[in-house]
Amino acid sequence: MPSPELIEPHAAVYRLADEWNIPHQAAEQIVKGVLHDGQCYVRGRHRGGPLRDISRDLATALASSYCPHGPVPWGFTDVQMDWNGLLKHGRVLVPTAYESDVATAEARAADVQVGSNGKHPLNEKMADKITANYIKRKEAAREPPTLQDLERTAQEDGFVGGRQYLRNAFRRMRGPLKRGPRDNSRRN
């Protein structure tokens, strides 16, 4: 088993907010939730003791005390948590309002692992998330969403293929497509 990538909880809040593109308050609640669950590896000292795994001790302390000024209660020092454990266990704690942002961020992070071209194949589930997020942004900006712009946005975000998934998601969310005027200038 590879050694965990350890990070201090306060630094984890900022890194998580930056990596998942979510507000600082949401990232702090996710870090606190993961620490409270006790499933993520946490190393530190409790009341000046030796450096050891304090996952369960910290979870117990968080359950019985109030911590208004950060994710770690009084009495714990040199606390570091496993970054990959935070990502794994924190994913289920993401508020629904930020779900599409986190999914997009995860897809971008996965692009590095996909291949040398850095492109990520678009599947049906991701097409639904991208389309919903795109339509929300366009409606917030009071601009009409278009299929061409959606496809361009997905391509700029590093997705390849799956054009039919985007079209189906767009139709489900916006209704049937209406054809615009035909451009005959390219027929010559």
N, C-alpha and C. Protein backbone atom coordinates (compact mmCIF):
# COMPACT_ATOMS: atom_id res chain seq x y z
N MET A 1 0.84 -1.18 0.00
CA MET A 1 0.00 0.00 0.00
C MET A 1 0.89 1.24 0.00
N PRO A 2 0.67 2.18 -0.93
CA PRO A 2 1.50 3.38 -0.98
C PRO A 2 1.24 4.25 0.25
N SER A 3 2.26 5.00 0.65
CA SER A 3 2.08 5.88 1.80
C SER A 3 1.12 7.01 1.44
N PRO A 4 0.30 7.43 2.40
CA PRO A 4 -0.70 8.45 2.09
C PRO A 4 -0.07 9.83 1.89
N GLU A 5 -0.72 10.63 1.08
CA GLU A 5 -0.30 12.02 0.91
C GLU A 5 -0.95 12.81 2.03
N LEU A 6 -0.15 13.23 3.01
CA LEU A 6 -0.69 13.88 4.20
C LEU A 6 -0.74 15.39 4.02
N ILE A 7 -1.80 15.99 4.56
CA ILE A 7 -2.01 17.43 4.47
C ILE A 7 -2.71 17.89 5.74
N GLU A 8 -2.35 19.09 6.21
CA GLU A 8 -3.00 19.63 7.40
C GLU A 8 -4.45 19.97 7.06
N PRO A 9 -5.38 19.79 8.00
CA PRO A 9 -6.79 20.06 7.71
C PRO A 9 -7.08 21.48 7.22
N HIS A 10 -6.39 22.48 7.79
CA HIS A 10 -6.62 23.85 7.34
C HIS A 10 -6.19 24.03 5.88
N ALA A 11 -5.05 23.45 5.54
CA ALA A 11 -4.58 23.52 4.15
C ALA A 11 -5.48 22.70 3.23
N ALA A 12 -6.03 21.60 3.77
CA ALA A 12 -6.92 20.75 2.97
C ALA A 12 -8.18 21.51 2.56
N VAL A 13 -8.67 22.38 3.44
CA VAL A 13 -9.85 23.19 3.13
C VAL A 13 -9.59 24.05 1.90
N TYR A 14 -8.47 24.75 1.89
CA TYR A 14 -8.15 25.64 0.76
C TYR A 14 -7.88 24.84 -0.51
N ARG A 15 -7.15 23.74 -0.39
CA ARG A 15 -6.85 22.93 -1.57
C ARG A 15 -8.11 22.31 -2.15
N LEU A 16 -9.01 21.83 -1.27
CA LEU A 16 -10.25 21.22 -1.74
C LEU A 16 -11.13 22.26 -2.43
N ALA A 17 -11.23 23.45 -1.85
CA ALA A 17 -12.02 24.53 -2.46
C ALA A 17 -11.46 24.88 -3.84
N ASP A 18 -10.15 24.91 -3.95
CA ASP A 18 -9.52 25.25 -5.22
C ASP A 18 -9.67 24.12 -6.24
N GLU A 19 -9.43 22.89 -5.82
CA GLU A 19 -9.47 21.76 -6.75
C GLU A 19 -10.88 21.45 -7.24
N TRP A 20 -11.85 21.54 -6.36
CA TRP A 20 -13.23 21.21 -6.72
C TRP A 20 -14.04 22.44 -7.14
N ASN A 21 -13.42 23.62 -7.08
CA ASN A 21 -14.08 24.86 -7.49
C ASN A 21 -15.38 25.08 -6.69
N ILE A 22 -15.27 24.98 -5.37
CA ILE A 22 -16.42 25.19 -4.48
C ILE A 22 -16.06 26.27 -3.47
N PRO A 23 -17.04 26.90 -2.83
CA PRO A 23 -16.75 27.92 -1.83
C PRO A 23 -15.99 27.36 -0.63
N HIS A 24 -15.23 28.23 0.02
CA HIS A 24 -14.43 27.85 1.18
C HIS A 24 -15.30 27.24 2.28
N GLN A 25 -16.48 27.80 2.53
CA GLN A 25 -17.34 27.29 3.60
C GLN A 25 -17.78 25.85 3.32
N ALA A 26 -18.10 25.56 2.07
CA ALA A 26 -18.51 24.19 1.70
C ALA A 26 -17.34 23.23 1.87
N ALA A 27 -16.14 23.65 1.47
CA ALA A 27 -14.96 22.80 1.62
C ALA A 27 -14.67 22.55 3.10
N GLU A 28 -14.83 23.57 3.93
CA GLU A 28 -14.60 23.40 5.37
C GLU A 28 -15.59 22.41 5.98
N GLN A 29 -16.84 22.47 5.57
CA GLN A 29 -17.84 21.52 6.07
C GLN A 29 -17.53 20.09 5.62
N ILE A 30 -17.02 19.94 4.41
CA ILE A 30 -16.66 18.61 3.91
C ILE A 30 -15.49 18.05 4.72
N VAL A 31 -14.46 18.87 4.96
CA VAL A 31 -13.30 18.41 5.74
C VAL A 31 -13.75 18.03 7.16
N LYS A 32 -14.59 18.88 7.77
CA LYS A 32 -15.09 18.56 9.11
C LYS A 32 -15.90 17.27 9.10
N GLY A 33 -16.71 17.08 8.07
CA GLY A 33 -17.52 15.87 7.96
C GLY A 33 -16.67 14.62 7.83
N VAL A 34 -15.61 14.69 7.03
CA VAL A 34 -14.72 13.54 6.86
C VAL A 34 -13.99 13.23 8.17
N LEU A 35 -13.52 14.28 8.86
CA LEU A 35 -12.86 14.07 10.15
C LEU A 35 -13.83 13.48 11.17
N HIS A 36 -15.07 13.96 11.14
CA HIS A 36 -16.10 13.49 12.08
C HIS A 36 -16.45 12.02 11.84
N ASP A 37 -16.43 11.59 10.58
CA ASP A 37 -16.76 10.20 10.26
C ASP A 37 -15.71 9.22 10.76
N GLY A 38 -14.45 9.66 10.84
CA GLY A 38 -13.38 8.80 11.33
C GLY A 38 -12.94 7.72 10.36
N GLN A 39 -13.33 7.79 9.10
CA GLN A 39 -12.96 6.77 8.12
C GLN A 39 -11.67 7.10 7.37
N CYS A 40 -11.28 8.36 7.39
CA CYS A 40 -10.08 8.81 6.70
C CYS A 40 -8.89 8.71 7.68
N TYR A 41 -7.73 8.28 7.18
CA TYR A 41 -6.54 8.19 8.03
C TYR A 41 -6.11 9.59 8.46
N VAL A 42 -5.96 9.78 9.78
CA VAL A 42 -5.51 11.05 10.34
C VAL A 42 -4.38 10.75 11.32
N ARG A 43 -3.26 11.45 11.15
CA ARG A 43 -2.11 11.27 12.02
C ARG A 43 -1.90 12.53 12.83
N GLY A 44 -1.53 12.37 14.09
CA GLY A 44 -1.26 13.53 14.92
C GLY A 44 -0.97 13.13 16.36
N ARG A 45 -0.99 14.14 17.23
CA ARG A 45 -0.77 13.93 18.66
C ARG A 45 -2.02 14.36 19.41
N HIS A 46 -2.35 13.60 20.43
CA HIS A 46 -3.47 13.94 21.30
C HIS A 46 -2.93 14.19 22.70
N ARG A 47 -3.13 15.42 23.19
CA ARG A 47 -2.66 15.84 24.52
C ARG A 47 -1.17 15.57 24.73
N GLY A 48 -0.37 15.88 23.73
CA GLY A 48 1.08 15.78 23.84
C GLY A 48 1.63 14.38 23.71
N GLY A 49 0.81 13.42 23.37
CA GLY A 49 1.26 12.04 23.23
C GLY A 49 2.11 11.83 21.99
N PRO A 50 2.43 10.57 21.70
CA PRO A 50 3.25 10.28 20.52
C PRO A 50 2.47 10.48 19.22
N LEU A 51 3.21 10.64 18.15
CA LEU A 51 2.62 10.78 16.82
C LEU A 51 2.05 9.43 16.40
N ARG A 52 0.74 9.37 16.11
CA ARG A 52 0.08 8.10 15.79
C ARG A 52 -1.21 8.36 15.02
N ASP A 53 -1.89 7.28 14.66
CA ASP A 53 -3.20 7.36 13.99
C ASP A 53 -4.23 7.81 15.03
N ILE A 54 -4.81 8.99 14.81
CA ILE A 54 -5.78 9.54 15.76
C ILE A 54 -7.18 9.66 15.14
N SER A 55 -7.44 8.91 14.09
CA SER A 55 -8.71 9.02 13.37
C SER A 55 -9.91 8.86 14.29
N ARG A 56 -9.92 7.80 15.08
CA ARG A 56 -11.07 7.53 15.95
C ARG A 56 -11.13 8.50 17.12
N ASP A 57 -9.98 8.84 17.71
CA ASP A 57 -9.97 9.79 18.82
C ASP A 57 -10.51 11.14 18.38
N LEU A 58 -10.09 11.57 17.21
CA LEU A 58 -10.54 12.86 16.68
C LEU A 58 -12.03 12.82 16.37
N ALA A 59 -12.51 11.73 15.80
CA ALA A 59 -13.94 11.59 15.50
C ALA A 59 -14.76 11.65 16.79
N THR A 60 -14.30 10.98 17.83
CA THR A 60 -14.99 10.99 19.12
C THR A 60 -15.01 12.40 19.71
N ALA A 61 -13.87 13.09 19.66
CA ALA A 61 -13.79 14.45 20.19
C ALA A 61 -14.69 15.40 19.41
N LEU A 62 -14.74 15.25 18.10
CA LEU A 62 -15.60 16.12 17.28
C LEU A 62 -17.07 15.86 17.57
N ALA A 63 -17.42 14.63 17.88
CA ALA A 63 -18.82 14.30 18.17
C ALA A 63 -19.27 14.88 19.50
N SER A 64 -18.31 15.09 20.43
CA SER A 64 -18.69 15.55 21.76
C SER A 64 -18.35 17.00 22.04
N SER A 65 -17.71 17.70 21.09
CA SER A 65 -17.34 19.10 21.35
C SER A 65 -17.72 19.99 20.18
N TYR A 66 -17.72 21.28 20.45
CA TYR A 66 -18.05 22.30 19.46
C TYR A 66 -16.76 22.96 19.02
N CYS A 67 -16.51 23.03 17.72
CA CYS A 67 -15.27 23.60 17.17
C CYS A 67 -15.60 24.75 16.22
N PRO A 68 -15.80 25.95 16.75
CA PRO A 68 -16.18 27.05 15.86
C PRO A 68 -15.04 27.60 15.03
N HIS A 69 -13.79 27.38 15.45
CA HIS A 69 -12.65 28.02 14.78
C HIS A 69 -11.79 27.04 14.01
N GLY A 70 -12.38 26.17 13.26
CA GLY A 70 -11.61 25.27 12.43
C GLY A 70 -12.03 23.83 12.61
N PRO A 71 -11.43 22.97 11.82
CA PRO A 71 -11.85 21.57 11.81
C PRO A 71 -11.28 20.70 12.93
N VAL A 72 -10.28 21.20 13.70
CA VAL A 72 -9.63 20.37 14.71
C VAL A 72 -9.90 20.94 16.11
N PRO A 73 -10.42 20.12 17.03
CA PRO A 73 -10.70 20.60 18.38
C PRO A 73 -9.42 20.77 19.21
N TRP A 74 -9.56 21.43 20.35
CA TRP A 74 -8.45 21.67 21.26
C TRP A 74 -7.89 20.34 21.76
N GLY A 75 -6.58 20.29 21.97
CA GLY A 75 -5.94 19.08 22.50
C GLY A 75 -5.25 18.24 21.44
N PHE A 76 -5.51 18.51 20.18
CA PHE A 76 -4.88 17.77 19.08
C PHE A 76 -3.85 18.66 18.40
N THR A 77 -2.64 18.12 18.20
CA THR A 77 -1.58 18.89 17.54
C THR A 77 -0.96 18.05 16.43
N ASP A 78 -0.21 18.73 15.57
CA ASP A 78 0.49 18.08 14.45
C ASP A 78 -0.45 17.18 13.64
N VAL A 79 -1.68 17.65 13.44
CA VAL A 79 -2.69 16.83 12.76
C VAL A 79 -2.51 16.93 11.25
N GLN A 80 -2.46 15.77 10.60
CA GLN A 80 -2.40 15.68 9.15
C GLN A 80 -3.34 14.56 8.71
N MET A 81 -4.02 14.80 7.60
CA MET A 81 -4.96 13.80 7.10
C MET A 81 -4.57 13.34 5.70
N ASP A 82 -5.03 12.17 5.34
CA ASP A 82 -4.75 11.60 4.03
C ASP A 82 -5.58 12.33 2.97
N TRP A 83 -4.91 12.95 2.00
CA TRP A 83 -5.59 13.73 0.97
C TRP A 83 -6.50 12.85 0.11
N ASN A 84 -6.02 11.68 -0.30
CA ASN A 84 -6.84 10.81 -1.14
C ASN A 84 -8.04 10.26 -0.37
N GLY A 85 -7.87 10.02 0.92
CA GLY A 85 -8.99 9.61 1.76
C GLY A 85 -10.04 10.70 1.87
N LEU A 86 -9.56 11.96 1.95
CA LEU A 86 -10.48 13.10 1.98
C LEU A 86 -11.29 13.17 0.69
N LEU A 87 -10.62 12.99 -0.45
CA LEU A 87 -11.35 13.04 -1.73
C LEU A 87 -12.37 11.91 -1.82
N LYS A 88 -11.98 10.72 -1.38
CA LYS A 88 -12.87 9.56 -1.46
C LYS A 88 -14.08 9.70 -0.54
N HIS A 89 -13.83 10.00 0.72
CA HIS A 89 -14.93 10.06 1.70
C HIS A 89 -15.67 11.40 1.65
N GLY A 90 -15.02 12.43 1.15
CA GLY A 90 -15.65 13.74 1.08
C GLY A 90 -16.58 13.89 -0.11
N ARG A 91 -16.41 13.04 -1.11
CA ARG A 91 -17.23 13.16 -2.33
C ARG A 91 -18.73 13.04 -2.04
N VAL A 92 -19.09 12.17 -1.12
CA VAL A 92 -20.52 11.99 -0.79
C VAL A 92 -21.07 13.14 0.04
N LEU A 93 -20.20 13.99 0.56
CA LEU A 93 -20.64 15.11 1.39
C LEU A 93 -20.80 16.42 0.61
N VAL A 94 -20.56 16.37 -0.69
CA VAL A 94 -20.67 17.58 -1.52
C VAL A 94 -22.13 18.03 -1.58
N PRO A 95 -22.40 19.31 -1.24
CA PRO A 95 -23.77 19.81 -1.36
C PRO A 95 -24.26 19.72 -2.81
N THR A 96 -25.54 19.45 -2.99
CA THR A 96 -26.08 19.28 -4.34
C THR A 96 -25.91 20.52 -5.21
N ALA A 97 -25.86 21.69 -4.59
CA ALA A 97 -25.68 22.92 -5.36
C ALA A 97 -24.33 22.96 -6.09
N TYR A 98 -23.34 22.23 -5.59
CA TYR A 98 -22.01 22.25 -6.18
C TYR A 98 -21.65 20.94 -6.87
N GLU A 99 -22.61 20.05 -6.99
CA GLU A 99 -22.36 18.72 -7.57
C GLU A 99 -21.80 18.81 -8.98
N SER A 100 -22.39 19.65 -9.82
CA SER A 100 -21.92 19.73 -11.21
C SER A 100 -20.53 20.34 -11.29
N ASP A 101 -20.21 21.29 -10.42
CA ASP A 101 -18.87 21.88 -10.41
C ASP A 101 -17.82 20.83 -10.03
N VAL A 102 -18.14 20.03 -9.03
CA VAL A 102 -17.21 18.99 -8.59
C VAL A 102 -17.04 17.92 -9.66
N ALA A 103 -18.14 17.55 -10.32
CA ALA A 103 -18.06 16.54 -11.38
C ALA A 103 -17.18 17.04 -12.53
N THR A 104 -17.31 18.31 -12.89
CA THR A 104 -16.49 18.88 -13.94
C THR A 104 -15.03 18.91 -13.52
N ALA A 105 -14.78 19.29 -12.26
CA ALA A 105 -13.40 19.33 -11.76
C ALA A 105 -12.79 17.93 -11.74
N GLU A 106 -13.56 16.94 -11.35
CA GLU A 106 -13.06 15.56 -11.33
C GLU A 106 -12.77 15.08 -12.76
N ALA A 107 -13.61 15.46 -13.69
CA ALA A 107 -13.38 15.05 -15.08
C ALA A 107 -12.10 15.68 -15.62
N ARG A 108 -11.87 16.94 -15.25
CA ARG A 108 -10.62 17.59 -15.68
C ARG A 108 -9.41 16.91 -15.07
N ALA A 109 -9.53 16.54 -13.80
CA ALA A 109 -8.42 15.85 -13.13
C ALA A 109 -8.19 14.48 -13.76
N ALA A 110 -9.24 13.83 -14.19
CA ALA A 110 -9.12 12.51 -14.81
C ALA A 110 -8.50 12.61 -16.21
N ASP A 111 -8.58 13.79 -16.84
CA ASP A 111 -7.99 13.97 -18.16
C ASP A 111 -6.51 13.61 -18.17
N VAL A 112 -5.82 13.90 -17.08
CA VAL A 112 -4.40 13.61 -16.99
C VAL A 112 -4.17 12.11 -17.07
N GLN A 113 -5.09 11.33 -16.53
CA GLN A 113 -4.93 9.88 -16.48
C GLN A 113 -5.45 9.20 -17.74
N VAL A 114 -6.19 9.89 -18.59
CA VAL A 114 -6.84 9.26 -19.74
C VAL A 114 -5.83 8.88 -20.81
N GLY A 115 -4.96 9.79 -21.19
CA GLY A 115 -4.02 9.48 -22.25
C GLY A 115 -3.12 10.66 -22.54
N SER A 116 -2.30 10.51 -23.55
CA SER A 116 -1.33 11.54 -23.86
C SER A 116 -1.98 12.79 -24.45
N ASN A 117 -3.15 12.64 -25.06
CA ASN A 117 -3.80 13.80 -25.66
C ASN A 117 -4.57 14.63 -24.63
N GLY A 118 -4.74 14.12 -23.41
CA GLY A 118 -5.41 14.88 -22.37
C GLY A 118 -6.91 15.02 -22.56
N LYS A 119 -7.48 14.26 -23.46
CA LYS A 119 -8.92 14.34 -23.71
C LYS A 119 -9.65 13.25 -22.94
N HIS A 120 -10.85 13.56 -22.54
CA HIS A 120 -11.66 12.64 -21.75
C HIS A 120 -12.89 12.24 -22.57
N PRO A 121 -13.14 10.95 -22.76
CA PRO A 121 -14.31 10.55 -23.53
C PRO A 121 -15.59 10.92 -22.79
N LEU A 122 -16.55 11.45 -23.51
CA LEU A 122 -17.80 11.91 -22.92
C LEU A 122 -18.80 10.76 -22.84
N ASN A 123 -19.30 10.49 -21.64
CA ASN A 123 -20.32 9.45 -21.48
C ASN A 123 -21.68 10.12 -21.22
N GLU A 124 -22.72 9.32 -21.12
CA GLU A 124 -24.08 9.84 -21.00
C GLU A 124 -24.28 10.60 -19.69
N LYS A 125 -23.77 10.06 -18.59
CA LYS A 125 -23.94 10.70 -17.29
C LYS A 125 -23.24 12.06 -17.25
N MET A 126 -22.02 12.12 -17.77
CA MET A 126 -21.28 13.38 -17.78
C MET A 126 -21.93 14.38 -18.73
N ALA A 127 -22.50 13.91 -19.84
CA ALA A 127 -23.19 14.80 -20.77
C ALA A 127 -24.39 15.45 -20.09
N ASP A 128 -25.11 14.69 -19.27
CA ASP A 128 -26.24 15.26 -18.53
C ASP A 128 -25.78 16.35 -17.58
N LYS A 129 -24.69 16.11 -16.87
CA LYS A 129 -24.17 17.10 -15.92
C LYS A 129 -23.67 18.35 -16.63
N ILE A 130 -22.94 18.15 -17.72
CA ILE A 130 -22.41 19.30 -18.47
C ILE A 130 -23.56 20.12 -19.04
N THR A 131 -24.57 19.45 -19.58
CA THR A 131 -25.71 20.15 -20.18
C THR A 131 -26.49 20.92 -19.13
N ALA A 132 -26.74 20.31 -17.98
CA ALA A 132 -27.48 21.00 -16.91
C ALA A 132 -26.71 22.22 -16.44
N ASN A 133 -25.40 22.08 -16.25
CA ASN A 133 -24.59 23.20 -15.81
C ASN A 133 -24.56 24.31 -16.86
N TYR A 134 -24.44 23.94 -18.12
CA TYR A 134 -24.42 24.90 -19.23
C TYR A 134 -25.74 25.68 -19.30
N ILE A 135 -26.86 24.98 -19.21
CA ILE A 135 -28.16 25.64 -19.29
C ILE A 135 -28.35 26.59 -18.11
N LYS A 136 -27.94 26.20 -16.91
CA LYS A 136 -28.03 27.07 -15.73
C LYS A 136 -27.24 28.35 -15.94
N ARG A 137 -26.00 28.20 -16.46
CA ARG A 137 -25.16 29.39 -16.69
C ARG A 137 -25.79 30.31 -17.72
N LYS A 138 -26.32 29.75 -18.80
CA LYS A 138 -26.92 30.58 -19.85
C LYS A 138 -28.17 31.28 -19.35
N GLU A 139 -29.01 30.56 -18.60
CA GLU A 139 -30.23 31.18 -18.08
C GLU A 139 -29.90 32.27 -17.06
N ALA A 140 -28.85 32.05 -16.26
CA ALA A 140 -28.44 33.07 -15.29
C ALA A 140 -27.95 34.33 -16.01
N ALA A 141 -27.31 34.14 -17.15
CA ALA A 141 -26.81 35.27 -17.95
C ALA A 141 -27.88 35.82 -18.88
N ARG A 142 -29.06 35.23 -18.85
CA ARG A 142 -30.19 35.62 -19.70
C ARG A 142 -29.84 35.55 -21.19
N GLU A 143 -29.11 34.47 -21.53
CA GLU A 143 -28.77 34.19 -22.91
C GLU A 143 -29.42 32.89 -23.32
N PRO A 144 -29.85 32.79 -24.57
CA PRO A 144 -30.47 31.53 -25.00
C PRO A 144 -29.42 30.44 -25.19
N PRO A 145 -29.61 29.27 -24.58
CA PRO A 145 -28.66 28.18 -24.80
C PRO A 145 -28.84 27.58 -26.19
N THR A 146 -27.73 27.28 -26.83
CA THR A 146 -27.77 26.67 -28.16
C THR A 146 -26.97 25.37 -28.14
N LEU A 147 -27.35 24.47 -29.00
CA LEU A 147 -26.67 23.18 -29.06
C LEU A 147 -25.22 23.34 -29.53
N GLN A 148 -25.00 24.22 -30.51
CA GLN A 148 -23.65 24.44 -31.00
C GLN A 148 -22.74 24.97 -29.91
N ASP A 149 -23.24 25.89 -29.10
CA ASP A 149 -22.45 26.46 -28.02
C ASP A 149 -22.18 25.41 -26.94
N LEU A 150 -23.16 24.55 -26.67
CA LEU A 150 -22.98 23.46 -25.71
C LEU A 150 -21.87 22.52 -26.18
N GLU A 151 -21.89 22.14 -27.46
CA GLU A 151 -20.86 21.26 -27.99
C GLU A 151 -19.49 21.91 -27.93
N ARG A 152 -19.42 23.20 -28.23
CA ARG A 152 -18.15 23.92 -28.16
C ARG A 152 -17.65 23.98 -26.72
N THR A 153 -18.54 24.21 -25.77
CA THR A 153 -18.18 24.26 -24.36
C THR A 153 -17.62 22.92 -23.89
N ALA A 154 -18.28 21.84 -24.27
CA ALA A 154 -17.80 20.50 -23.89
C ALA A 154 -16.43 20.22 -24.49
N GLN A 155 -16.23 20.65 -25.71
CA GLN A 155 -14.95 20.44 -26.37
C GLN A 155 -13.86 21.27 -25.69
N GLU A 156 -14.16 22.51 -25.32
CA GLU A 156 -13.19 23.35 -24.62
C GLU A 156 -12.83 22.79 -23.25
N ASP A 157 -13.79 22.09 -22.62
CA ASP A 157 -13.54 21.48 -21.32
C ASP A 157 -12.76 20.18 -21.43
N GLY A 158 -12.37 19.79 -22.65
CA GLY A 158 -11.52 18.62 -22.84
C GLY A 158 -12.26 17.33 -23.08
N PHE A 159 -13.52 17.38 -23.45
CA PHE A 159 -14.28 16.16 -23.73
C PHE A 159 -14.29 15.90 -25.22
N VAL A 160 -14.21 14.63 -25.57
CA VAL A 160 -14.27 14.23 -26.98
C VAL A 160 -15.35 13.17 -27.15
N GLY A 161 -15.92 13.14 -28.33
CA GLY A 161 -16.96 12.16 -28.63
C GLY A 161 -18.24 12.47 -27.87
N GLY A 162 -19.18 11.56 -27.93
CA GLY A 162 -20.41 11.70 -27.16
C GLY A 162 -21.34 12.80 -27.62
N ARG A 163 -21.21 13.20 -28.88
CA ARG A 163 -22.07 14.28 -29.38
C ARG A 163 -23.54 13.94 -29.26
N GLN A 164 -23.89 12.70 -29.52
CA GLN A 164 -25.29 12.28 -29.42
C GLN A 164 -25.78 12.36 -27.97
N TYR A 165 -24.91 12.05 -27.01
CA TYR A 165 -25.29 12.18 -25.59
C TYR A 165 -25.62 13.63 -25.25
N LEU A 166 -24.82 14.56 -25.78
CA LEU A 166 -25.09 15.98 -25.54
C LEU A 166 -26.41 16.39 -26.17
N ARG A 167 -26.64 15.96 -27.38
CA ARG A 167 -27.88 16.31 -28.08
C ARG A 167 -29.10 15.75 -27.34
N ASN A 168 -29.01 14.50 -26.89
CA ASN A 168 -30.14 13.90 -26.17
C ASN A 168 -30.39 14.61 -24.85
N ALA A 169 -29.33 14.94 -24.12
CA ALA A 169 -29.49 15.66 -22.85
C ALA A 169 -30.09 17.04 -23.09
N PHE A 170 -29.63 17.71 -24.13
CA PHE A 170 -30.15 19.04 -24.45
C PHE A 170 -31.63 18.98 -24.80
N ARG A 171 -32.03 17.98 -25.58
CA ARG A 171 -33.44 17.82 -25.95
C ARG A 171 -34.30 17.52 -24.74
N ARG A 172 -33.82 16.65 -23.85
CA ARG A 172 -34.59 16.34 -22.65
C ARG A 172 -34.79 17.56 -21.77
N MET A 173 -33.79 18.39 -21.68
CA MET A 173 -33.85 19.54 -20.77
C MET A 173 -34.48 20.77 -21.41
N ARG A 174 -34.42 20.89 -22.71
CA ARG A 174 -34.91 22.09 -23.39
C ARG A 174 -36.08 21.85 -24.33
N GLY A 175 -36.42 20.61 -24.59
CA GLY A 175 -37.48 20.32 -25.54
C GLY A 175 -36.89 20.03 -26.90
N PRO A 176 -37.74 19.77 -27.90
CA PRO A 176 -37.22 19.42 -29.23
C PRO A 176 -36.46 20.59 -29.85
N LEU A 177 -35.47 20.24 -30.66
CA LEU A 177 -34.68 21.26 -31.34
C LEU A 177 -35.48 21.90 -32.45
N LYS A 178 -35.31 23.20 -32.60
CA LYS A 178 -35.95 23.93 -33.69
C LYS A 178 -34.88 24.28 -34.70
N ARG A 179 -35.14 23.98 -35.93
CA ARG A 179 -34.17 24.28 -36.98
C ARG A 179 -34.25 25.76 -37.34
N GLY A 180 -33.08 26.33 -37.48
CA GLY A 180 -32.98 27.72 -37.88
C GLY A 180 -33.00 27.84 -39.39
N PRO A 181 -32.82 29.03 -39.93
CA PRO A 181 -32.79 29.20 -41.38
C PRO A 181 -31.59 28.47 -41.95
N ARG A 182 -31.79 27.90 -43.10
CA ARG A 182 -30.75 27.11 -43.73
C ARG A 182 -29.74 28.05 -44.40
N ASP A 183 -28.46 27.74 -44.23
CA ASP A 183 -27.39 28.52 -44.82
C ASP A 183 -26.97 27.85 -46.12
N ASN A 184 -27.34 28.43 -47.25
CA ASN A 184 -27.05 27.86 -48.56
C ASN A 184 -25.76 28.40 -49.17
N SER A 185 -25.05 29.25 -48.43
CA SER A 185 -23.85 29.85 -49.00
C SER A 185 -22.74 28.84 -49.20
N ARG A 186 -22.73 27.71 -48.47
CA ARG A 186 -21.67 26.72 -48.59
C ARG A 186 -21.96 25.70 -49.69
N ARG A 187 -23.11 25.74 -50.33
CA ARG A 187 -23.48 24.76 -51.34
C ARG A 187 -22.84 25.01 -52.70
N ASN A 188 -22.28 26.13 -52.93
CA ASN A 188 -21.74 26.46 -54.26
C ASN A 188 -20.59 25.65 -54.60
